[in-house]
Structure formats: C-alpha cells, structure tokens
Amino acid sequence: MIEWVQLESTGTLPKNEIIDIIIIIAVYKFSLLSREETEAMLGLTLEETRVYREAKAEGQEKILKAAVPLLLKTGMSIEQIAQQLNVDVEAVRLAAQESA
C-alpha cells in the first residue's frame, strides 16, 4: 500500500499523511512484531515516521521529568544537566518547573 500511495496521485490528502495512517494501523495491528519485523513488512524504517518521532519525544519527556529533579538534588545546575543529557536547556527548565 505504501508503494502504491507513493506512486499514485492522492487528491486531497498529502501522501505523507496517508503513509502515516498506514503505518499507525500496521504498528497497532501487528503490535506483537518487533520493530525490525515491522520495518521489513512496511519496507521502511520507523525512525522516518512521525509516529516514531512523537513516541521518542514522549519518552524523552518522561525521562526528563524523572531525572531532572534527582539531578538537581545532587547539586547539578540546569545547564550542567542539559549538557550531560544532551538536551535543550529550556527542556530541563520546564521539567524542573513541573517537578516543583
């Protein structure tokens, strides 16, 4: 289906949105498959998809919310935490505010 969408004119919906819908359905429908098996079935890497990027961002947000308060208690500054975790200083500030 993904190959067909890439080749055909889709009318009103952009092709990337249709492909995202197909991927979402496949990921949920075949939830017992590994990422590698799902990628092989779809013929693409999930890292290229919006679904993957959103899930990754949500995971990073959860990690920050858990880690930042603990690291602040050790005496690290927000800037040090951002540098060590390789994230934006503003993301660390937001996590710190939400934990207060």
Protein backbone atom coordinates (compact mmCIF):
# COMPACT_ATOMS: atom_id res chain seq x y z
CA MET A 1 0.00 0.00 0.00
CA ILE A 2 2.80 2.40 0.84
CA GLU A 3 4.40 1.88 -2.57
CA TRP A 4 1.02 2.45 -4.24
CA VAL A 5 0.50 5.72 -2.34
CA GLN A 6 3.97 6.89 -3.31
CA LEU A 7 3.26 6.25 -6.99
CA GLU A 8 -0.35 7.46 -7.26
CA SER A 9 -1.94 10.87 -7.05
CA THR A 10 -3.84 11.07 -3.76
CA GLY A 11 -6.14 14.01 -4.33
CA THR A 12 -6.86 15.95 -1.15
CA LEU A 13 -4.63 14.30 1.48
CA PRO A 14 -0.86 14.69 1.22
CA LYS A 15 0.96 11.43 0.56
CA ASN A 16 2.96 11.61 3.79
CA GLU A 17 -0.26 11.81 5.84
CA ILE A 18 -1.70 8.75 4.10
CA ILE A 19 1.55 6.86 4.67
CA ASP A 20 1.50 7.89 8.36
CA ILE A 21 -2.04 6.50 8.68
CA ILE A 22 -1.00 3.20 7.09
CA ILE A 23 1.99 2.96 9.42
CA ILE A 24 -0.10 3.71 12.52
CA ILE A 25 -2.60 1.00 11.56
CA ALA A 26 0.18 -1.51 10.85
CA VAL A 27 2.02 -0.78 14.10
CA TYR A 28 -1.15 -1.21 16.17
CA LYS A 29 -2.43 -4.19 14.21
CA PHE A 30 0.88 -6.04 14.41
CA SER A 31 1.87 -4.94 17.92
CA LEU A 32 3.49 -8.31 18.68
CA LEU A 33 6.06 -7.84 15.90
CA SER A 34 9.46 -6.39 16.71
CA ARG A 35 10.47 -3.04 15.26
CA GLU A 36 12.73 -4.84 12.79
CA GLU A 37 9.91 -7.15 11.66
CA THR A 38 7.53 -4.21 11.25
CA GLU A 39 10.11 -2.26 9.26
CA ALA A 40 10.73 -5.24 6.98
CA MET A 41 6.99 -5.67 6.42
CA LEU A 42 6.48 -1.97 5.62
CA GLY A 43 9.68 -1.60 3.61
CA LEU A 44 10.86 1.46 5.51
CA THR A 45 12.47 2.44 8.79
CA LEU A 46 10.11 3.56 11.52
CA GLU A 47 12.58 6.26 12.56
CA GLU A 48 11.48 8.15 9.44
CA THR A 49 7.87 8.31 10.61
CA ARG A 50 6.01 10.91 12.60
CA VAL A 51 4.71 8.17 14.90
CA TYR A 52 8.26 7.23 15.86
CA ARG A 53 9.33 10.85 16.37
CA GLU A 54 6.31 11.56 18.58
CA ALA A 55 6.84 8.41 20.66
CA LYS A 56 10.52 9.24 21.07
CA ALA A 57 9.71 12.80 22.18
CA GLU A 58 7.18 11.49 24.71
CA GLY A 59 9.74 9.05 26.07
CA GLN A 60 12.38 11.75 26.39
CA GLU A 61 9.90 13.99 28.20
CA LYS A 62 9.10 11.23 30.72
CA ILE A 63 12.80 10.58 31.31
CA LEU A 64 13.47 14.28 31.87
CA LYS A 65 10.57 14.56 34.33
CA ALA A 66 12.04 11.68 36.33
CA ALA A 67 15.74 12.51 36.05
CA VAL A 68 15.87 16.29 36.39
CA PRO A 69 14.60 16.51 40.00
CA LEU A 70 17.07 13.81 41.07
CA LEU A 71 19.99 15.50 39.32
CA LEU A 72 19.07 18.88 40.79
CA LYS A 73 19.18 17.30 44.27
CA THR A 74 22.78 16.24 43.59
CA GLY A 75 23.69 19.88 43.11
CA MET A 76 23.93 19.93 39.34
CA SER A 77 22.79 23.11 37.63
CA ILE A 78 20.16 23.17 34.92
CA GLU A 79 22.87 23.95 32.37
CA GLN A 80 25.02 21.02 33.55
CA ILE A 81 22.05 18.67 33.36
CA ALA A 82 21.22 19.83 29.84
CA GLN A 83 24.82 19.34 28.77
CA GLN A 84 25.12 15.88 30.33
CA LEU A 85 21.78 14.69 28.92
CA ASN A 86 22.44 16.38 25.57
CA VAL A 87 19.11 18.23 25.60
CA ASP A 88 17.99 21.82 25.33
CA VAL A 89 18.36 23.94 28.49
CA GLU A 90 14.74 25.05 28.13
CA ALA A 91 13.54 21.42 28.22
CA VAL A 92 15.41 20.93 31.50
CA ARG A 93 13.96 24.15 32.92
CA LEU A 94 10.46 23.02 32.01
CA ALA A 95 11.00 19.61 33.63
CA ALA A 96 12.35 21.32 36.75
CA GLN A 97 9.33 23.63 36.95
CA GLU A 98 6.90 20.75 36.51
CA SER A 99 8.54 18.79 39.30
CA ALA A 100 8.46 21.70 41.77
